[in-house]
């Protein structure tokens, strides 16, 4: 579940990968990743709580569609890795 919730937050722009920045504390606090959800909010919530509290810009329907598409994406990656390993053994 973590992979799905983190991916949807990242792809929808709700989660921004932290980067190193030089500057004052005020400049650092103004960076987009300062607004990232806490890890426990990403990993330890139900789907309904995740949508209403963490990813409130998204609907439950959008989340469910993303889960289906993400699952298909992972399956395709697994299939291509399997095909690659089989072709390497030939």
N, C-alpha and C. Protein backbone atom coordinates (compact mmCIF):
# COMPACT_ATOMS: atom_id res chain seq x y z
N UNK A 1 0.83 -1.20 0.00
CA UNK A 1 0.00 0.00 0.00
C UNK A 1 0.87 1.26 0.00
N UNK A 2 2.01 1.23 0.70
CA UNK A 2 2.87 2.41 0.76
C UNK A 2 3.29 2.85 -0.63
N UNK A 3 3.67 1.91 -1.45
CA UNK A 3 4.12 2.25 -2.79
C UNK A 3 3.03 2.97 -3.56
N UNK A 4 1.81 2.51 -3.43
CA UNK A 4 0.68 3.13 -4.15
C UNK A 4 0.41 4.53 -3.61
N UNK A 5 0.33 4.67 -2.30
CA UNK A 5 -0.01 5.97 -1.73
C UNK A 5 1.10 6.99 -2.00
N UNK A 6 2.34 6.57 -1.87
CA UNK A 6 3.44 7.50 -2.14
C UNK A 6 3.44 7.88 -3.62
N UNK A 7 3.23 6.90 -4.50
CA UNK A 7 3.24 7.17 -5.94
C UNK A 7 2.15 8.14 -6.35
N UNK A 8 0.96 7.96 -5.81
CA UNK A 8 -0.13 8.87 -6.20
C UNK A 8 0.14 10.27 -5.67
N UNK A 9 0.71 10.39 -4.49
CA UNK A 9 1.04 11.72 -3.97
C UNK A 9 2.12 12.38 -4.81
N UNK A 10 3.13 11.60 -5.19
CA UNK A 10 4.23 12.14 -5.99
C UNK A 10 3.76 12.53 -7.39
N UNK A 11 3.01 11.65 -8.03
CA UNK A 11 2.58 11.91 -9.40
C UNK A 11 1.54 13.02 -9.50
N UNK A 12 0.77 13.21 -8.43
CA UNK A 12 -0.24 14.27 -8.45
C UNK A 12 0.34 15.61 -7.98
N UNK A 13 1.60 15.60 -7.54
CA UNK A 13 2.24 16.84 -7.12
C UNK A 13 1.99 17.21 -5.67
N UNK A 14 1.32 16.34 -4.92
CA UNK A 14 1.07 16.63 -3.51
C UNK A 14 2.34 16.41 -2.69
N UNK A 15 3.13 15.41 -3.08
CA UNK A 15 4.42 15.15 -2.43
C UNK A 15 5.53 15.63 -3.35
N UNK A 16 6.45 16.40 -2.80
CA UNK A 16 7.59 16.90 -3.57
C UNK A 16 8.85 16.33 -2.94
N UNK A 17 9.72 15.75 -3.75
CA UNK A 17 10.96 15.18 -3.24
C UNK A 17 11.82 16.28 -2.63
N UNK A 18 12.21 16.11 -1.38
CA UNK A 18 13.06 17.12 -0.75
C UNK A 18 14.41 17.22 -1.44
N UNK A 19 14.94 18.39 -1.48
CA UNK A 19 16.25 18.62 -2.06
C UNK A 19 17.06 19.50 -1.12
N UNK A 20 18.29 19.56 -1.38
CA UNK A 20 19.14 20.41 -0.54
C UNK A 20 19.05 21.84 -1.05
N UNK A 21 18.91 22.74 -0.12
CA UNK A 21 18.87 24.15 -0.47
C UNK A 21 19.70 24.92 0.55
N UNK A 22 20.42 25.87 0.06
CA UNK A 22 21.18 26.74 0.93
C UNK A 22 20.35 28.00 1.13
N UNK A 23 20.47 28.55 2.28
CA UNK A 23 19.75 29.78 2.54
C UNK A 23 19.32 29.84 3.99
N UNK A 24 18.52 30.81 4.27
CA UNK A 24 18.05 31.01 5.63
C UNK A 24 16.98 29.98 5.95
N UNK A 25 16.66 29.87 7.22
CA UNK A 25 15.60 28.94 7.64
C UNK A 25 14.27 29.34 7.02
N UNK A 26 14.03 30.62 6.88
CA UNK A 26 12.79 31.10 6.25
C UNK A 26 12.72 30.64 4.81
N UNK A 27 13.82 30.75 4.07
CA UNK A 27 13.85 30.30 2.68
C UNK A 27 13.64 28.80 2.59
N UNK A 28 14.19 28.05 3.53
CA UNK A 28 14.01 26.61 3.54
C UNK A 28 12.56 26.23 3.84
N UNK A 29 11.93 26.96 4.76
CA UNK A 29 10.52 26.67 5.11
C UNK A 29 9.56 27.00 3.98
N UNK A 30 9.99 27.84 3.06
CA UNK A 30 9.12 28.23 1.95
C UNK A 30 9.19 27.25 0.79
N UNK A 31 10.01 26.23 0.89
CA UNK A 31 10.14 25.26 -0.19
C UNK A 31 8.93 24.32 -0.19
N UNK A 32 8.56 23.81 -1.37
CA UNK A 32 7.33 23.00 -1.48
C UNK A 32 7.36 21.73 -0.64
N UNK A 33 8.53 21.14 -0.40
CA UNK A 33 8.55 19.89 0.36
C UNK A 33 8.28 20.08 1.83
N UNK A 34 8.28 21.32 2.31
CA UNK A 34 7.94 21.56 3.71
C UNK A 34 6.47 21.27 3.97
N UNK A 35 5.69 21.20 2.92
CA UNK A 35 4.26 20.92 3.05
C UNK A 35 3.94 19.45 2.80
N UNK A 36 4.96 18.62 2.63
CA UNK A 36 4.73 17.19 2.40
C UNK A 36 4.02 16.56 3.59
N UNK A 37 3.15 15.57 3.31
CA UNK A 37 2.51 14.84 4.40
C UNK A 37 3.55 14.06 5.20
N UNK A 38 3.26 13.83 6.48
CA UNK A 38 4.14 13.02 7.32
C UNK A 38 4.11 11.58 6.83
N UNK A 39 5.20 10.87 7.06
CA UNK A 39 5.30 9.48 6.63
C UNK A 39 4.19 8.63 7.23
N UNK A 40 3.89 8.85 8.49
CA UNK A 40 2.82 8.06 9.13
C UNK A 40 1.47 8.32 8.47
N UNK A 41 1.26 9.54 7.97
CA UNK A 41 0.00 9.84 7.26
C UNK A 41 -0.07 9.10 5.92
N UNK A 42 1.09 8.88 5.31
CA UNK A 42 1.12 8.17 4.03
C UNK A 42 0.95 6.66 4.23
N UNK A 43 1.55 6.14 5.30
CA UNK A 43 1.59 4.67 5.45
C UNK A 43 0.54 4.09 6.38
N UNK A 44 0.10 4.83 7.37
CA UNK A 44 -0.73 4.25 8.43
C UNK A 44 -2.17 4.72 8.43
N UNK A 45 -2.73 4.96 7.27
CA UNK A 45 -4.12 5.40 7.22
C UNK A 45 -4.92 4.51 6.26
N UNK A 46 -6.20 4.45 6.50
CA UNK A 46 -7.08 3.71 5.60
C UNK A 46 -7.23 4.50 4.30
N UNK A 47 -7.78 3.86 3.28
CA UNK A 47 -7.97 4.55 2.00
C UNK A 47 -8.84 5.79 2.16
N UNK A 48 -9.94 5.65 2.91
CA UNK A 48 -10.86 6.77 3.08
C UNK A 48 -10.18 7.93 3.82
N UNK A 49 -9.44 7.60 4.89
CA UNK A 49 -8.75 8.64 5.65
C UNK A 49 -7.64 9.26 4.81
N UNK A 50 -6.96 8.44 4.02
CA UNK A 50 -5.90 8.94 3.15
C UNK A 50 -6.46 9.97 2.18
N UNK A 51 -7.59 9.66 1.57
CA UNK A 51 -8.19 10.57 0.59
C UNK A 51 -8.72 11.84 1.26
N UNK A 52 -9.37 11.71 2.40
CA UNK A 52 -9.97 12.89 3.02
C UNK A 52 -8.96 13.76 3.76
N UNK A 53 -7.91 13.14 4.33
CA UNK A 53 -6.99 13.91 5.16
C UNK A 53 -5.66 14.22 4.48
N UNK A 54 -5.13 13.29 3.72
CA UNK A 54 -3.79 13.46 3.15
C UNK A 54 -3.85 13.98 1.71
N UNK A 55 -4.65 13.33 0.91
CA UNK A 55 -4.75 13.70 -0.51
C UNK A 55 -6.14 14.26 -0.79
N UNK A 56 -6.48 15.29 -0.08
CA UNK A 56 -7.84 15.83 -0.16
C UNK A 56 -8.18 16.44 -1.52
N UNK A 57 -7.17 16.67 -2.36
CA UNK A 57 -7.44 17.17 -3.70
C UNK A 57 -7.95 16.08 -4.64
N UNK A 58 -7.85 14.83 -4.21
CA UNK A 58 -8.25 13.69 -5.03
C UNK A 58 -9.54 13.08 -4.50
N UNK A 59 -10.27 12.41 -5.38
CA UNK A 59 -11.47 11.71 -4.97
C UNK A 59 -11.15 10.23 -4.76
N UNK A 60 -12.04 9.53 -4.07
CA UNK A 60 -11.86 8.10 -3.85
C UNK A 60 -11.87 7.37 -5.19
N UNK A 61 -12.71 7.82 -6.12
CA UNK A 61 -12.76 7.21 -7.44
C UNK A 61 -11.42 7.37 -8.17
N UNK A 62 -10.83 8.55 -8.11
CA UNK A 62 -9.52 8.77 -8.73
C UNK A 62 -8.46 7.87 -8.11
N UNK A 63 -8.51 7.72 -6.78
CA UNK A 63 -7.57 6.86 -6.09
C UNK A 63 -7.72 5.41 -6.54
N UNK A 64 -8.96 4.94 -6.64
CA UNK A 64 -9.21 3.55 -7.07
C UNK A 64 -8.74 3.33 -8.50
N UNK A 65 -8.99 4.27 -9.38
CA UNK A 65 -8.53 4.16 -10.77
C UNK A 65 -7.01 4.14 -10.81
N UNK A 66 -6.37 5.02 -10.03
CA UNK A 66 -4.92 5.03 -9.98
C UNK A 66 -4.38 3.68 -9.50
N UNK A 67 -5.01 3.10 -8.48
CA UNK A 67 -4.57 1.80 -7.96
C UNK A 67 -4.62 0.73 -9.04
N UNK A 68 -5.68 0.72 -9.83
CA UNK A 68 -5.80 -0.25 -10.92
C UNK A 68 -4.72 -0.02 -11.97
N UNK A 69 -4.53 1.21 -12.36
CA UNK A 69 -3.52 1.52 -13.38
C UNK A 69 -2.11 1.23 -12.86
N UNK A 70 -1.86 1.53 -11.60
CA UNK A 70 -0.55 1.29 -11.01
C UNK A 70 -0.26 -0.21 -10.94
N UNK A 71 -1.29 -0.98 -10.61
CA UNK A 71 -1.14 -2.43 -10.57
C UNK A 71 -0.80 -2.98 -11.96
N UNK A 72 -1.48 -2.48 -12.99
CA UNK A 72 -1.18 -2.89 -14.36
C UNK A 72 0.24 -2.50 -14.75
N UNK A 73 0.66 -1.31 -14.33
CA UNK A 73 2.02 -0.84 -14.62
C UNK A 73 3.06 -1.77 -13.98
N UNK A 74 2.83 -2.15 -12.73
CA UNK A 74 3.76 -3.05 -12.05
C UNK A 74 3.78 -4.43 -12.71
N UNK A 75 2.61 -4.91 -13.13
CA UNK A 75 2.54 -6.20 -13.81
C UNK A 75 3.32 -6.18 -15.13
N UNK A 76 3.20 -5.09 -15.88
CA UNK A 76 3.95 -4.97 -17.14
C UNK A 76 5.45 -4.94 -16.88
N UNK A 77 5.87 -4.25 -15.82
CA UNK A 77 7.29 -4.21 -15.47
C UNK A 77 7.79 -5.61 -15.10
N UNK A 78 6.97 -6.35 -14.33
CA UNK A 78 7.35 -7.71 -13.95
C UNK A 78 7.47 -8.60 -15.17
N UNK A 79 6.52 -8.46 -16.10
CA UNK A 79 6.55 -9.27 -17.32
C UNK A 79 7.79 -8.95 -18.15
N UNK A 80 8.11 -7.68 -18.28
CA UNK A 80 9.28 -7.32 -19.09
C UNK A 80 10.57 -7.78 -18.41
N UNK A 81 10.63 -7.72 -17.08
CA UNK A 81 11.81 -8.23 -16.38
C UNK A 81 11.95 -9.73 -16.56
N UNK A 82 10.82 -10.44 -16.53
CA UNK A 82 10.83 -11.89 -16.73
C UNK A 82 11.30 -12.22 -18.14
N UNK A 83 10.80 -11.49 -19.13
CA UNK A 83 11.21 -11.71 -20.52
C UNK A 83 12.70 -11.41 -20.69
N UNK A 84 13.18 -10.34 -20.03
CA UNK A 84 14.60 -10.00 -20.12
C UNK A 84 15.48 -11.09 -19.52
N UNK A 85 15.05 -11.62 -18.37
CA UNK A 85 15.86 -12.66 -17.72
C UNK A 85 15.83 -13.95 -18.54
N UNK A 86 14.72 -14.23 -19.19
CA UNK A 86 14.64 -15.43 -20.04
C UNK A 86 15.54 -15.27 -21.27
N UNK A 87 15.56 -14.09 -21.87
CA UNK A 87 16.38 -13.87 -23.05
C UNK A 87 17.86 -13.87 -22.68
N UNK A 88 18.20 -13.47 -21.45
CA UNK A 88 19.59 -13.50 -21.00
C UNK A 88 20.08 -14.92 -20.82
N UNK A 89 19.18 -15.83 -20.50
CA UNK A 89 19.57 -17.22 -20.26
C UNK A 89 19.74 -18.00 -21.55
N UNK A 90 19.31 -17.44 -22.65
CA UNK A 90 19.42 -18.17 -23.94
C UNK A 90 20.80 -18.05 -24.54
